[in-house]
Protein backbone atom coordinates (compact mmCIF):
# COMPACT_ATOMS: atom_id res chain seq x y z
CA UNK A 1 3.96 -3.33 -6.60
CA UNK A 2 0.43 -2.47 -6.11
CA UNK A 3 -2.68 -4.83 -5.05
CA UNK A 4 -5.18 -3.14 -6.34
CA UNK A 5 -8.51 -5.83 -6.18
CA UNK A 6 -10.35 -4.89 -2.93
CA UNK A 7 -13.75 -4.10 -3.04
CA UNK A 8 -14.09 -0.92 -0.83
CA UNK A 9 -16.82 -2.37 1.14
CA UNK A 10 -16.75 0.43 3.66
CA UNK A 11 -16.54 3.16 0.81
CA UNK A 12 -20.05 2.09 -0.80
CA UNK A 13 -21.12 3.30 -4.57
CA UNK A 14 -20.72 1.04 -7.77
CA UNK A 15 -17.09 0.93 -8.04
CA UNK A 16 -13.74 -0.11 -6.38
CA UNK A 17 -12.74 2.88 -4.73
CA UNK A 18 -9.52 2.79 -6.62
CA UNK A 19 -11.13 3.71 -9.32
CA UNK A 20 -13.13 6.41 -8.27
CA UNK A 21 -12.71 9.81 -9.90
CA UNK A 22 -10.82 12.88 -8.24
CA UNK A 23 -9.62 15.98 -10.11
CA UNK A 24 -9.91 14.29 -13.54
CA UNK A 25 -8.22 10.83 -12.49
CA UNK A 26 -8.89 7.90 -10.79
CA UNK A 27 -7.50 7.44 -7.58
CA UNK A 28 -5.41 4.68 -9.02
CA UNK A 29 -3.56 6.72 -11.03
CA UNK A 30 -2.79 9.38 -8.55
CA UNK A 31 -1.44 6.51 -6.94
CA UNK A 32 0.70 5.25 -9.54
CA UNK A 33 1.78 9.08 -10.41
CA UNK A 34 3.27 9.58 -6.61
CA UNK A 35 5.53 6.32 -6.87
CA UNK A 36 6.43 6.45 -10.46
CA UNK A 37 9.46 9.03 -10.18
CA UNK A 38 11.42 6.30 -7.12
CA UNK A 39 10.36 2.90 -9.16
CA UNK A 40 12.05 1.08 -12.23
CA UNK A 41 9.26 -0.56 -12.71
CA UNK A 42 5.51 -0.82 -11.42
CA UNK A 43 3.47 -4.10 -11.15
CA UNK A 44 -0.18 -4.06 -10.69
CA UNK A 45 -2.32 -7.01 -9.43
CA UNK A 46 -5.76 -6.53 -10.62
CA UNK A 47 -8.79 -9.02 -10.80
CA UNK A 48 -9.34 -10.22 -14.38
CA UNK A 49 -13.09 -9.01 -13.93
CA UNK A 50 -11.22 -5.32 -13.58
CA UNK A 51 -8.71 -5.47 -16.10
CA UNK A 52 -10.33 -4.59 -19.55
CA UNK A 53 -11.80 -1.47 -17.03
CA UNK A 54 -8.66 -0.40 -16.35
CA UNK A 55 -7.33 -0.52 -19.47
CA UNK A 56 -10.29 1.55 -20.98
CA UNK A 57 -9.43 3.85 -18.43
CA UNK A 58 -6.19 3.98 -19.45
CA UNK A 59 -7.36 4.76 -22.97
CA UNK A 60 -9.72 7.72 -21.62
CA UNK A 61 -7.70 9.21 -19.82
CA UNK A 62 -4.28 9.01 -22.00
CA UNK A 63 -2.75 7.42 -19.37
CA UNK A 64 0.51 6.28 -20.80
CA UNK A 65 2.71 5.40 -17.25
CA UNK A 66 4.16 2.74 -17.89
CA UNK A 67 3.13 -0.68 -15.77
CA UNK A 68 2.61 -4.23 -15.79
CA UNK A 69 -0.81 -5.74 -14.90
CA UNK A 70 -0.86 -9.20 -13.02
CA UNK A 71 -3.78 -10.90 -12.41
CA UNK A 72 -5.25 -10.25 -8.72
CA UNK A 73 -6.04 -12.79 -5.99
CA UNK A 74 -9.15 -13.53 -3.82
CA UNK A 75 -7.77 -11.38 -0.98
CA UNK A 76 -4.60 -8.94 -0.57
CA UNK A 77 -2.65 -11.75 0.18
CA UNK A 78 -2.55 -13.36 -2.82
CA UNK A 79 -2.52 -10.59 -5.14
CA UNK A 80 0.84 -9.62 -3.61
CA UNK A 81 2.21 -13.36 -3.58
CA UNK A 82 1.04 -13.32 -7.19
CA UNK A 83 2.11 -10.15 -8.31
CA UNK A 84 5.77 -11.41 -6.85
CA UNK A 85 5.97 -14.74 -8.25
CA UNK A 86 5.63 -13.18 -11.34
CA UNK A 87 8.66 -10.75 -10.93
CA UNK A 88 12.01 -11.45 -12.89
CA UNK A 89 14.00 -8.72 -11.03
CA UNK A 90 17.11 -9.63 -9.14
CA UNK A 91 16.50 -11.17 -5.94
CA UNK A 92 18.58 -8.14 -4.35
CA UNK A 93 16.21 -5.26 -6.04
CA UNK A 94 14.30 -3.70 -3.51
CA UNK A 95 10.01 -4.17 -3.70
CA UNK A 96 7.54 -1.91 -2.25
CA UNK A 97 4.41 -3.21 -1.58
CA UNK A 98 1.61 0.21 -1.32
CA UNK A 99 -1.89 0.50 -1.42
CA UNK A 100 -3.60 1.34 -4.52
CA UNK A 101 -5.84 3.83 -2.66
CA UNK A 102 -2.88 6.00 -0.44
CA UNK A 103 -1.83 8.71 -3.29
CA UNK A 104 -0.08 11.44 -1.25
CA UNK A 105 2.76 9.58 -0.17
CA UNK A 106 5.74 11.97 -0.38
CA UNK A 107 9.12 10.95 -1.98
CA UNK A 108 10.93 12.01 0.78
CA UNK A 109 9.05 9.24 2.63
CA UNK A 110 9.50 7.30 0.02
CA UNK A 111 13.57 7.71 -0.53
CA UNK A 112 13.85 7.26 3.74
CA UNK A 113 12.56 4.39 3.27
CA UNK A 114 14.40 3.07 0.47
CA UNK A 115 17.74 3.48 2.15
CA UNK A 116 16.67 2.12 5.11
CA UNK A 117 15.54 -1.34 3.36
CA UNK A 118 18.89 -1.10 1.45
CA UNK A 119 20.49 -1.15 4.84
CA UNK A 120 18.49 -3.36 6.90
CA UNK A 121 16.41 -5.67 4.96
CA UNK A 122 12.79 -4.70 5.47
CA UNK A 123 11.35 -1.05 6.38
CA UNK A 124 7.70 0.34 7.08
CA UNK A 125 6.37 3.89 7.23
CA UNK A 126 4.58 4.96 10.49
CA UNK A 127 2.74 7.70 11.83
CA UNK A 128 2.92 8.24 15.76
CA UNK A 129 -0.57 7.72 17.56
CA UNK A 130 -2.21 11.45 18.29
CA UNK A 131 -5.92 10.27 20.25
CA UNK A 132 -5.64 8.08 23.06
CA UNK A 133 -6.78 4.22 22.90
CA UNK A 134 -7.86 1.42 24.69
CA UNK A 135 -7.74 -2.43 24.48
CA UNK A 136 -10.80 -4.36 23.88
CA UNK A 137 -10.83 -6.77 26.38
CA UNK A 138 -13.66 -10.04 25.62
CA UNK A 139 -16.11 -9.67 28.89
CA UNK A 140 -14.07 -7.50 30.84
CA UNK A 141 -15.07 -4.21 28.52
CA UNK A 142 -11.64 -1.93 27.82
CA UNK A 143 -8.73 -0.64 29.38
CA UNK A 144 -6.40 2.04 29.11
CA UNK A 145 -3.14 1.67 27.23
CA UNK A 146 -0.04 3.54 26.94
CA UNK A 147 -0.21 4.89 22.98
CA UNK A 148 3.86 5.55 22.79
CA UNK A 149 4.04 2.27 22.91
CA UNK A 150 1.78 1.82 19.55
CA UNK A 151 2.30 3.73 16.14
CA UNK A 152 0.10 3.80 12.87
CA UNK A 153 1.25 1.44 10.14
CA UNK A 154 1.30 2.56 6.59
CA UNK A 155 2.76 1.65 3.14
CA UNK A 156 4.80 1.58 1.03
CA UNK A 157 6.45 -1.45 2.74
CA UNK A 158 9.80 -2.10 1.51
CA UNK A 159 11.93 -4.99 1.37
CA UNK A 160 14.60 -7.10 -0.41
CA UNK A 161 12.54 -9.06 -3.18
CA UNK A 162 14.08 -12.34 -2.50
CA UNK A 163 13.45 -12.04 1.36
CA UNK A 164 9.56 -11.40 0.90
CA UNK A 165 9.31 -13.60 -1.91
CA UNK A 166 10.33 -16.72 0.86
CA UNK A 167 7.75 -14.90 3.20
CA UNK A 168 5.01 -15.55 0.96
CA UNK A 169 6.08 -18.62 -0.28
CA UNK A 170 6.05 -20.57 3.55
CA UNK A 171 3.07 -18.35 4.67
CA UNK A 172 -0.42 -19.59 4.49
CA UNK A 173 -2.24 -16.87 3.80
CA UNK A 174 -4.38 -16.76 7.08
CA UNK A 175 -6.34 -13.73 8.28
CA UNK A 176 -3.42 -13.60 10.88
CA UNK A 177 -1.28 -11.68 8.46
CA UNK A 178 -2.83 -7.63 8.41
CA UNK A 179 0.26 -6.43 5.78
CA UNK A 180 3.33 -7.33 4.32
CA UNK A 181 5.51 -7.00 7.61
CA UNK A 182 3.41 -9.29 9.08
CA UNK A 183 4.18 -12.11 6.83
CA UNK A 184 7.77 -11.21 6.57
CA UNK A 185 8.06 -11.18 10.65
CA UNK A 186 6.55 -14.80 10.02
CA UNK A 187 9.63 -16.30 8.49
CA UNK A 188 12.39 -14.06 9.65
CA UNK A 189 13.49 -12.98 13.44
CA UNK A 190 15.06 -9.80 12.36
CA UNK A 191 13.47 -6.29 12.98
CA UNK A 192 11.68 -4.13 10.97
CA UNK A 193 13.13 -0.60 10.60
CA UNK A 194 10.66 1.92 11.12
CA UNK A 195 10.79 5.33 8.96
CA UNK A 196 8.23 7.81 10.19
CA UNK A 197 5.91 8.90 7.13
CA UNK A 198 4.47 11.82 5.90
CA UNK A 199 1.12 12.78 7.36
CA UNK A 200 -0.63 13.32 4.50
CA UNK A 201 -0.11 9.24 3.52
CA UNK A 202 -3.54 8.55 4.70
CA UNK A 203 -5.32 5.64 3.02
CA UNK A 204 -8.84 6.86 1.18
CA UNK A 205 -11.09 4.66 2.92
CA UNK A 206 -14.36 6.59 3.25
CA UNK A 207 -16.13 9.03 1.39
CA UNK A 208 -15.42 11.88 3.41
CA UNK A 209 -11.35 11.08 2.64
CA UNK A 210 -12.39 12.51 -0.75
CA UNK A 211 -12.60 16.00 0.46
CA UNK A 212 -9.12 15.72 1.80
CA UNK A 213 -7.89 14.20 -0.84
CA UNK A 214 -9.08 17.02 -3.30
CA UNK A 215 -7.81 19.94 -0.74
CA UNK A 216 -4.39 18.32 -0.96
CA UNK A 217 -3.96 17.70 -4.96
CA UNK A 218 -5.10 21.40 -4.91
CA UNK A 219 -2.46 22.63 -2.54
CA UNK A 220 0.15 24.95 -4.02
CA UNK A 221 3.07 22.04 -3.00
CA UNK A 222 0.86 19.49 -5.62
CA UNK A 223 1.28 22.07 -8.53
């Protein structure tokens, strides 16, 4: 499922970034195309205000990739919870929650996540950090930390549906939940398996990210 209710404040412009067109299609359509070969069904959580606009875009672009639409909430947490509650799948089904603006996730990454989640119950993609990092300490400035103890986490994050549904039902939706894995960990004292992601699986957050996306979509491997 894809929560697509973000307004993209860091991106700027009149439209949420998932609707910005790149190489002839909105970013969200590129994302749906990337995950469709690996999904039995796709659920898109959209705010009511954008559902008609999205359907218009699908008609204009002749975009007929099958997907369901549920109403998104005021926050990402509520959008994911709404979508999970709407799913009538078998409880043992695997569910992957993927950012609307990560259109370059690879099939290899998705397949590895599905296999890991099937075996362990939960799996999330990561990339090792390459920059030096520091811990900000209030009133004390900052302190260098060992970057090998940290990783950057991405999506899709994959879980057994019923376990993630239970985690979202018990959670209060507070700001301490930064992703689906943090919601899951609030209920289950079980390790989440880490799967190394493909480096291109970056989140389109700032306008300059569009150049990277255009180059990637035009690379020979995408044709």
